[in-house]
Amino acid sequence: MERGPTADEPVENRNASDAVTRRRALAAGGALGLASLAGCTALDVATGDEPAEFAAGTATVGDATLDESGYELNDVSEETLSREVEVAGQTREVRVTNTVAEYDKAVELFGERYQAAVFAAVTTPQIQVLGQALNPIAEFSTRERAEIILSRYDGVGDLERGSEYTTEVLGSDAEVVVYTAQGEIEGTGASTELELHIGEPVGVDDDFVLPLAAYPASFSDGENVRGMMNGLEHEPNDES
């Protein structure tokens, strides 16, 4: 099964519309879309001639919560992936559309401003198997989820698991694992200790939502991250 880029793989810069150097939208969609389709069988999708389509809604941080956090919206993006599977002896196309809402906080270094802290809400659709909803993100370990958000940084190493806590995400209690790592703020060459908050995916409507965050440990942003997790709002896909 394919994965998205790991922490050690380079991620290209994108041009920012302001003075803050930012990366392109979080590259989680491809990994989650392909994970969603892993193991599909004839029982996983309904028969028919048309492609089976699964589209996620969008999870975003509420405005009031965001105003208190010091983070800003970077991008809300979606990615559609397709894969052919065998259904009742015939080839069937399955399409999955994921969305990622990404927020960031800048830091000033050497007279320039750079993306230093990132919070993301990844939304992926449930896939129905004989009336039961599959959680496509469940096969990702917390360490693999950490690598998704670490793709925002360069020169990442020394990833270590630390404490855990439980907090509310979209009406459910979600476990969050805290990691530390060393990494460079992209574009600066400046290495810093990073703290990561890696949530577990929670089910809401026809989707699963995965909250992720990473920031320089010196920011002491744990309370802001927890607040943004608590302040997530979900809008279902209109076509679901």
C-alpha atoms as a PDB file:
ATOM      1  CA  MET A   1       0.000   0.000   0.000  1.00  0.00           C
ATOM      2  CA  GLU A   2       1.317   3.424  -0.881  1.00  0.00           C
ATOM      3  CA  ARG A   3       1.952   6.037   1.774  1.00  0.00           C
ATOM      4  CA  GLY A   4       2.329   9.786   1.568  1.00  0.00           C
ATOM      5  CA  PRO A   5       5.772  11.335   1.914  1.00  0.00           C
ATOM      6  CA  THR A   6       7.568  10.453   5.115  1.00  0.00           C
ATOM      7  CA  ALA A   7       9.324  12.904   7.367  1.00  0.00           C
ATOM      8  CA  ASP A   8      12.618  12.365   5.606  1.00  0.00           C
ATOM      9  CA  GLU A   9      11.295  12.963   2.100  1.00  0.00           C
ATOM     10  CA  PRO A  10      11.460  16.517   0.734  1.00  0.00           C
ATOM     11  CA  VAL A  11       8.285  18.493   0.207  1.00  0.00           C
ATOM     12  CA  GLU A  12       8.471  21.289  -2.330  1.00  0.00           C
ATOM     13  CA  ASN A  13       7.836  24.872  -1.330  1.00  0.00           C
ATOM     14  CA  ARG A  14       4.851  26.731  -2.668  1.00  0.00           C
ATOM     15  CA  ASN A  15       4.664  30.465  -3.273  1.00  0.00           C
ATOM     16  CA  ALA A  16       2.954  32.316  -0.432  1.00  0.00           C
ATOM     17  CA  SER A  17       0.517  35.175  -1.009  1.00  0.00           C
ATOM     18  CA  ASP A  18       1.908  37.142   1.930  1.00  0.00           C
ATOM     19  CA  ALA A  19       5.159  37.571   3.847  1.00  0.00           C
ATOM     20  CA  VAL A  20       4.880  34.174   5.522  1.00  0.00           C
ATOM     21  CA  THR A  21       6.705  31.286   3.886  1.00  0.00           C
ATOM     22  CA  ARG A  22       4.220  28.388   3.803  1.00  0.00           C
ATOM     23  CA  ARG A  23       4.228  24.910   2.351  1.00  0.00           C
ATOM     24  CA  ARG A  24       1.590  23.526   0.018  1.00  0.00           C
ATOM     25  CA  ALA A  25      -1.486  21.923   1.526  1.00  0.00           C
ATOM     26  CA  LEU A  26      -0.782  19.017   3.840  1.00  0.00           C
ATOM     27  CA  ALA A  27       0.069  15.933   1.798  1.00  0.00           C
ATOM     28  CA  ALA A  28      -2.141  13.541   3.717  1.00  0.00           C
ATOM     29  CA  GLY A  29      -4.880  13.000   1.179  1.00  0.00           C
ATOM     30  CA  GLY A  30      -3.059  10.557  -1.049  1.00  0.00           C
ATOM     31  CA  ALA A  31      -2.020   8.296   1.787  1.00  0.00           C
ATOM     32  CA  LEU A  32      -5.481   8.246   3.327  1.00  0.00           C
ATOM     33  CA  GLY A  33      -7.259   7.778   0.036  1.00  0.00           C
ATOM     34  CA  LEU A  34      -5.210   4.731  -0.843  1.00  0.00           C
ATOM     35  CA  ALA A  35      -5.541   3.379   2.668  1.00  0.00           C
ATOM     36  CA  SER A  36      -9.299   3.753   2.297  1.00  0.00           C
ATOM     37  CA  LEU A  37      -9.255   1.409  -0.666  1.00  0.00           C
ATOM     38  CA  ALA A  38      -6.856  -1.118   0.758  1.00  0.00           C
ATOM     39  CA  GLY A  39      -8.450  -4.529   1.015  1.00  0.00           C
ATOM     40  CA  CYS A  40     -11.626  -3.667  -0.910  1.00  0.00           C
ATOM     41  CA  THR A  41     -13.428  -6.788  -2.097  1.00  0.00           C
ATOM     42  CA  ALA A  42     -16.646  -7.590  -3.914  1.00  0.00           C
ATOM     43  CA  LEU A  43     -18.471  -7.151  -0.596  1.00  0.00           C
ATOM     44  CA  ASP A  44     -17.106  -3.668   0.061  1.00  0.00           C
ATOM     45  CA  VAL A  45     -18.904  -1.719  -2.657  1.00  0.00           C
ATOM     46  CA  ALA A  46     -22.271  -2.080  -4.321  1.00  0.00           C
ATOM     47  CA  THR A  47     -22.386  -3.613  -7.738  1.00  0.00           C
ATOM     48  CA  GLY A  48     -23.124  -1.471 -10.767  1.00  0.00           C
ATOM     49  CA  ASP A  49     -21.601   0.002 -13.874  1.00  0.00           C
ATOM     50  CA  GLU A  50     -20.848   3.491 -12.544  1.00  0.00           C
ATOM     51  CA  PRO A  51     -17.830   4.264 -10.310  1.00  0.00           C
ATOM     52  CA  ALA A  52     -18.464   3.951  -6.566  1.00  0.00           C
ATOM     53  CA  GLU A  53     -17.790   7.389  -5.095  1.00  0.00           C
ATOM     54  CA  PHE A  54     -17.103   8.353  -1.479  1.00  0.00           C
ATOM     55  CA  ALA A  55     -16.627  12.069  -0.717  1.00  0.00           C
ATOM     56  CA  ALA A  56     -15.751  13.551   2.672  1.00  0.00           C
ATOM     57  CA  GLY A  57     -17.233  16.649   4.210  1.00  0.00           C
ATOM     58  CA  THR A  58     -14.997  19.257   5.857  1.00  0.00           C
ATOM     59  CA  ALA A  59     -13.863  19.759   9.457  1.00  0.00           C
ATOM     60  CA  THR A  60     -12.717  23.274  10.346  1.00  0.00           C
ATOM     61  CA  VAL A  61     -11.937  25.200  13.519  1.00  0.00           C
ATOM     62  CA  GLY A  62     -14.714  27.543  14.633  1.00  0.00           C
ATOM     63  CA  ASP A  63     -14.004  31.259  14.220  1.00  0.00           C
ATOM     64  CA  ALA A  64     -14.199  32.118  17.931  1.00  0.00           C
ATOM     65  CA  THR A  65     -11.741  29.354  18.836  1.00  0.00           C
ATOM     66  CA  LEU A  66      -9.413  30.298  16.015  1.00  0.00           C
ATOM     67  CA  ASP A  67      -9.333  33.944  17.087  1.00  0.00           C
ATOM     68  CA  GLU A  68      -8.099  32.910  20.533  1.00  0.00           C
ATOM     69  CA  SER A  69      -5.466  30.494  19.240  1.00  0.00           C
ATOM     70  CA  GLY A  70      -3.174  32.809  17.296  1.00  0.00           C
ATOM     71  CA  TYR A  71      -3.363  30.466  14.289  1.00  0.00           C
ATOM     72  CA  GLU A  72      -4.577  31.439  10.824  1.00  0.00           C
ATOM     73  CA  LEU A  73      -6.225  29.420   8.083  1.00  0.00           C
ATOM     74  CA  ASN A  74      -3.678  28.412   5.466  1.00  0.00           C
ATOM     75  CA  ASP A  75      -5.725  26.291   3.098  1.00  0.00           C
ATOM     76  CA  VAL A  76      -8.706  23.968   2.747  1.00  0.00           C
ATOM     77  CA  SER A  77      -7.996  21.463   0.016  1.00  0.00           C
ATOM     78  CA  GLU A  78      -9.466  18.284  -1.357  1.00  0.00           C
ATOM     79  CA  GLU A  79      -8.002  15.436  -3.324  1.00  0.00           C
ATOM     80  CA  THR A  80      -9.802  12.745  -5.274  1.00  0.00           C
ATOM     81  CA  LEU A  81      -8.114   9.417  -5.849  1.00  0.00           C
ATOM     82  CA  SER A  82      -9.364   6.450  -7.803  1.00  0.00           C
ATOM     83  CA  ARG A  83      -8.539   2.784  -7.850  1.00  0.00           C
ATOM     84  CA  GLU A  84      -9.892  -0.216  -9.697  1.00  0.00           C
ATOM     85  CA  VAL A  85     -11.036  -3.177  -7.612  1.00  0.00           C
ATOM     86  CA  GLU A  86     -12.502  -6.546  -8.464  1.00  0.00           C
ATOM     87  CA  VAL A  87     -16.247  -6.700  -7.825  1.00  0.00           C
ATOM     88  CA  ALA A  88     -18.149  -9.927  -8.491  1.00  0.00           C
ATOM     89  CA  GLY A  89     -15.560 -10.938 -11.057  1.00  0.00           C
ATOM     90  CA  GLN A  90     -15.647  -7.540 -12.759  1.00  0.00           C
ATOM     91  CA  THR A  91     -13.380  -4.506 -12.481  1.00  0.00           C
ATOM     92  CA  ARG A  92     -14.992  -1.582 -10.643  1.00  0.00           C
ATOM     93  CA  GLU A  93     -13.660   1.936 -10.189  1.00  0.00           C
ATOM     94  CA  VAL A  94     -13.825   3.400  -6.683  1.00  0.00           C
ATOM     95  CA  ARG A  95     -13.241   7.124  -6.079  1.00  0.00           C
ATOM     96  CA  VAL A  96     -12.434   8.648  -2.700  1.00  0.00           C
ATOM     97  CA  THR A  97     -12.289  12.392  -1.988  1.00  0.00           C
ATOM     98  CA  ASN A  98     -10.587  13.583   1.206  1.00  0.00           C
ATOM     99  CA  THR A  99     -10.345  17.124   2.576  1.00  0.00           C
ATOM    100  CA  VAL A 100      -7.660  18.810   4.676  1.00  0.00           C
ATOM    101  CA  ALA A 101      -8.109  22.066   6.596  1.00  0.00           C
ATOM    102  CA  GLU A 102      -4.674  23.420   7.523  1.00  0.00           C
ATOM    103  CA  TYR A 103      -3.880  26.237   9.944  1.00  0.00           C
ATOM    104  CA  ASP A 104      -0.531  27.716  10.846  1.00  0.00           C
ATOM    105  CA  LYS A 105       1.310  30.186  13.033  1.00  0.00           C
ATOM    106  CA  ALA A 106       4.342  32.121  11.827  1.00  0.00           C
ATOM    107  CA  VAL A 107       7.636  32.974  13.479  1.00  0.00           C
ATOM    108  CA  GLU A 108      10.042  35.753  12.550  1.00  0.00           C
ATOM    109  CA  LEU A 109      13.631  34.711  11.882  1.00  0.00           C
ATOM    110  CA  PHE A 110      16.393  36.711  10.250  1.00  0.00           C
ATOM    111  CA  GLY A 111      13.919  39.471   9.350  1.00  0.00           C
ATOM    112  CA  GLU A 112      11.552  37.072   7.543  1.00  0.00           C
ATOM    113  CA  ARG A 113       8.381  35.283   8.634  1.00  0.00           C
ATOM    114  CA  TYR A 114       8.070  31.525   8.264  1.00  0.00           C
ATOM    115  CA  GLN A 115       5.470  28.841   8.935  1.00  0.00           C
ATOM    116  CA  ALA A 116       6.479  27.365  12.278  1.00  0.00           C
ATOM    117  CA  ALA A 117       3.404  25.712  13.802  1.00  0.00           C
ATOM    118  CA  VAL A 118       0.779  23.655  11.974  1.00  0.00           C
ATOM    119  CA  PHE A 119      -2.658  22.348  12.948  1.00  0.00           C
ATOM    120  CA  ALA A 120      -4.610  20.188  10.522  1.00  0.00           C
ATOM    121  CA  ALA A 121      -7.974  18.436  10.424  1.00  0.00           C
ATOM    122  CA  VAL A 122      -7.995  15.608   7.881  1.00  0.00           C
ATOM    123  CA  THR A 123     -11.440  14.354   6.858  1.00  0.00           C
ATOM    124  CA  THR A 124     -11.912  11.090   5.012  1.00  0.00           C
ATOM    125  CA  PRO A 125     -15.212   9.409   4.081  1.00  0.00           C
ATOM    126  CA  GLN A 126     -16.501   6.266   5.694  1.00  0.00           C
ATOM    127  CA  ILE A 127     -16.695   3.331   3.345  1.00  0.00           C
ATOM    128  CA  GLN A 128     -19.656   1.054   3.929  1.00  0.00           C
ATOM    129  CA  VAL A 129     -19.090  -2.692   4.056  1.00  0.00           C
ATOM    130  CA  LEU A 130     -22.368  -4.581   4.294  1.00  0.00           C
ATOM    131  CA  GLY A 131     -23.819  -1.672   6.246  1.00  0.00           C
ATOM    132  CA  GLN A 132     -20.795  -1.291   8.531  1.00  0.00           C
ATOM    133  CA  ALA A 133     -18.581   1.804   8.336  1.00  0.00           C
ATOM    134  CA  LEU A 134     -14.876   1.180   7.837  1.00  0.00           C
ATOM    135  CA  ASN A 135     -12.356   3.513   9.465  1.00  0.00           C
ATOM    136  CA  PRO A 136      -9.657   3.836   6.794  1.00  0.00           C
ATOM    137  CA  ILE A 137      -7.318   5.768   9.101  1.00  0.00           C
ATOM    138  CA  ALA A 138      -7.396   3.097  11.796  1.00  0.00           C
ATOM    139  CA  GLU A 139      -4.636   1.091  10.120  1.00  0.00           C
ATOM    140  CA  PHE A 140      -2.257   4.011  10.583  1.00  0.00           C
ATOM    141  CA  SER A 141      -0.264   3.794  13.800  1.00  0.00           C
ATOM    142  CA  THR A 142       0.080   7.002  15.813  1.00  0.00           C
ATOM    143  CA  ARG A 143       3.685   7.169  14.612  1.00  0.00           C
ATOM    144  CA  GLU A 144       2.547   7.021  10.967  1.00  0.00           C
ATOM    145  CA  ARG A 145       0.010   9.769  11.686  1.00  0.00           C
ATOM    146  CA  ALA A 146       2.844  11.787  13.212  1.00  0.00           C
ATOM    147  CA  GLU A 147       4.810  11.434   9.979  1.00  0.00           C
ATOM    148  CA  ILE A 148       1.928  13.066   8.098  1.00  0.00           C
ATOM    149  CA  ILE A 149       2.236  16.322  10.040  1.00  0.00           C
ATOM    150  CA  LEU A 150       6.042  16.090  10.175  1.00  0.00           C
ATOM    151  CA  SER A 151       6.093  16.386   6.390  1.00  0.00           C
ATOM    152  CA  ARG A 152       5.747  20.134   7.070  1.00  0.00           C
ATOM    153  CA  TYR A 153       9.323  20.263   8.404  1.00  0.00           C
ATOM    154  CA  ASP A 154      12.812  19.504   7.094  1.00  0.00           C
ATOM    155  CA  GLY A 155      15.586  17.403   8.623  1.00  0.00           C
ATOM    156  CA  VAL A 156      13.280  15.577  11.009  1.00  0.00           C
ATOM    157  CA  GLY A 157      14.732  13.062  13.469  1.00  0.00           C
ATOM    158  CA  ASP A 158      14.645  11.719  17.027  1.00  0.00           C
ATOM    159  CA  LEU A 159      10.880  11.140  17.071  1.00  0.00           C
ATOM    160  CA  GLU A 160       9.952   9.994  20.578  1.00  0.00           C
ATOM    161  CA  ARG A 161       6.601   9.140  22.081  1.00  0.00           C
ATOM    162  CA  GLY A 162       5.695  10.940  25.298  1.00  0.00           C
ATOM    163  CA  SER A 163       2.518  11.533  27.258  1.00  0.00           C
ATOM    164  CA  GLU A 164      -1.126  10.903  26.354  1.00  0.00           C
ATOM    165  CA  TYR A 165      -4.378  12.665  27.166  1.00  0.00           C
ATOM    166  CA  THR A 166      -8.049  12.491  26.247  1.00  0.00           C
ATOM    167  CA  THR A 167     -10.019  15.442  24.930  1.00  0.00           C
ATOM    168  CA  GLU A 168     -13.305  16.101  23.148  1.00  0.00           C
ATOM    169  CA  VAL A 169     -13.323  16.142  19.360  1.00  0.00           C
ATOM    170  CA  LEU A 170     -16.654  16.640  17.585  1.00  0.00           C
ATOM    171  CA  GLY A 171     -18.655  15.262  20.498  1.00  0.00           C
ATOM    172  CA  SER A 172     -16.450  12.198  21.090  1.00  0.00           C
ATOM    173  CA  ASP A 173     -13.637  11.520  23.540  1.00  0.00           C
ATOM    174  CA  ALA A 174     -10.442  11.159  21.517  1.00  0.00           C
ATOM    175  CA  GLU A 175      -7.078   9.945  22.733  1.00  0.00           C
ATOM    176  CA  VAL A 176      -4.142  12.182  21.817  1.00  0.00           C
ATOM    177  CA  VAL A 177      -0.508  11.078  21.888  1.00  0.00           C
ATOM    178  CA  VAL A 178       2.208  13.698  22.394  1.00  0.00           C
ATOM    179  CA  TYR A 179       5.519  13.204  20.587  1.00  0.00           C
ATOM    180  CA  THR A 180       8.739  15.193  20.507  1.00  0.00           C
ATOM    181  CA  ALA A 181      11.135  15.408  17.576  1.00  0.00           C
ATOM    182  CA  GLN A 182      13.929  17.509  16.157  1.00  0.00           C
ATOM    183  CA  GLY A 183      13.263  19.350  12.915  1.00  0.00           C
ATOM    184  CA  GLU A 184      14.034  22.420  10.836  1.00  0.00           C
ATOM    185  CA  ILE A 185      11.514  25.151  10.123  1.00  0.00           C
ATOM    186  CA  GLU A 186      11.305  24.967   6.337  1.00  0.00           C
ATOM    187  CA  GLY A 187      13.292  27.612   4.503  1.00  0.00           C
ATOM    188  CA  THR A 188      15.395  28.650   7.499  1.00  0.00           C
ATOM    189  CA  GLY A 189      17.849  25.852   8.196  1.00  0.00           C
ATOM    190  CA  ALA A 190      17.092  26.524  11.871  1.00  0.00           C
ATOM    191  CA  SER A 191      16.703  23.347  13.909  1.00  0.00           C
ATOM    192  CA  THR A 192      14.309  23.268  16.845  1.00  0.00           C
ATOM    193  CA  GLU A 193      12.665  20.818  19.193  1.00  0.00           C
ATOM    194  CA  LEU A 194       9.134  20.073  18.002  1.00  0.00           C
ATOM    195  CA  GLU A 195       6.128  18.942  19.988  1.00  0.00           C
ATOM    196  CA  LEU A 196       3.396  16.986  18.212  1.00  0.00           C
ATOM    197  CA  HIS A 197      -0.188  16.229  19.242  1.00  0.00           C
ATOM    198  CA  ILE A 198      -1.506  13.245  17.293  1.00  0.00           C
ATOM    199  CA  GLY A 199      -5.202  12.554  17.734  1.00  0.00           C
ATOM    200  CA  GLU A 200      -7.124   9.423  16.934  1.00  0.00           C
ATOM    201  CA  PRO A 201      -9.765   9.630  14.180  1.00  0.00           C
ATOM    202  CA  VAL A 202     -13.327  10.187  15.351  1.00  0.00           C
ATOM    203  CA  GLY A 203     -16.483   9.326  13.447  1.00  0.00           C
ATOM    204  CA  VAL A 204     -19.000  12.049  12.659  1.00  0.00           C
ATOM    205  CA  ASP A 205     -21.865  11.871  10.159  1.00  0.00           C
ATOM    206  CA  ASP A 206     -20.459   9.897   7.198  1.00  0.00           C
ATOM    207  CA  ASP A 207     -16.812  10.792   7.836  1.00  0.00           C
ATOM    208  CA  PHE A 208     -13.826  10.221  10.053  1.00  0.00           C
ATOM    209  CA  VAL A 209     -11.841  13.277  11.209  1.00  0.00           C
ATOM    210  CA  LEU A 210      -8.174  13.112  12.203  1.00  0.00           C
ATOM    211  CA  PRO A 211      -6.696  16.091  14.161  1.00  0.00           C
ATOM    212  CA  LEU A 212      -2.936  16.659  13.968  1.00  0.00           C
ATOM    213  CA  ALA A 213      -0.615  19.393  15.237  1.00  0.00           C
ATOM    214  CA  ALA A 214       3.090  20.217  15.409  1.00  0.00           C
ATOM    215  CA  TYR A 215       4.879  23.288  16.756  1.00  0.00           C
ATOM    216  CA  PRO A 216       8.227  24.379  18.215  1.00  0.00           C
ATOM    217  CA  ALA A 217       8.302  23.302  21.854  1.00  0.00           C
ATOM    218  CA  SER A 218       9.237  26.860  22.814  1.00  0.00           C
ATOM    219  CA  PHE A 219       5.744  27.962  21.697  1.00  0.00           C
ATOM    220  CA  SER A 220       4.151  25.994  24.575  1.00  0.00           C
ATOM    221  CA  ASP A 221       1.073  25.696  22.374  1.00  0.00           C
ATOM    222  CA  GLY A 222      -0.476  22.616  23.976  1.00  0.00           C
ATOM    223  CA  GLU A 223      -3.522  24.467  25.320  1.00  0.00           C
ATOM    224  CA  ASN A 224      -4.119  26.180  21.972  1.00  0.00           C
ATOM    225  CA  VAL A 225      -3.943  22.843  20.165  1.00  0.00           C
ATOM    226  CA  ARG A 226      -6.351  21.224  22.605  1.00  0.00           C
ATOM    227  CA  GLY A 227      -8.690  24.184  22.228  1.00  0.00           C
ATOM    228  CA  MET A 228      -8.659  23.865  18.435  1.00  0.00           C
ATOM    229  CA  MET A 229      -9.406  20.155  18.702  1.00  0.00           C
ATOM    230  CA  ASN A 230     -12.326  20.990  20.994  1.00  0.00           C
ATOM    231  CA  GLY A 231     -13.456  23.729  18.613  1.00  0.00           C
ATOM    232  CA  LEU A 232     -13.627  21.644  15.438  1.00  0.00           C
ATOM    233  CA  GLU A 233     -16.869  21.852  13.471  1.00  0.00           C
ATOM    234  CA  HIS A 234     -17.937  19.395  10.784  1.00  0.00           C
ATOM    235  CA  GLU A 235     -19.907  20.140   7.633  1.00  0.00           C
ATOM    236  CA  PRO A 236     -21.132  16.996   5.841  1.00  0.00           C
ATOM    237  CA  ASN A 237     -20.703  16.594   2.126  1.00  0.00           C
ATOM    238  CA  ASP A 238     -23.875  17.905   0.432  1.00  0.00           C
ATOM    239  CA  GLU A 239     -24.004  14.889  -1.832  1.00  0.00           C
ATOM    240  CA  SER A 240     -23.656  12.315   0.922  1.00  0.00           C
END
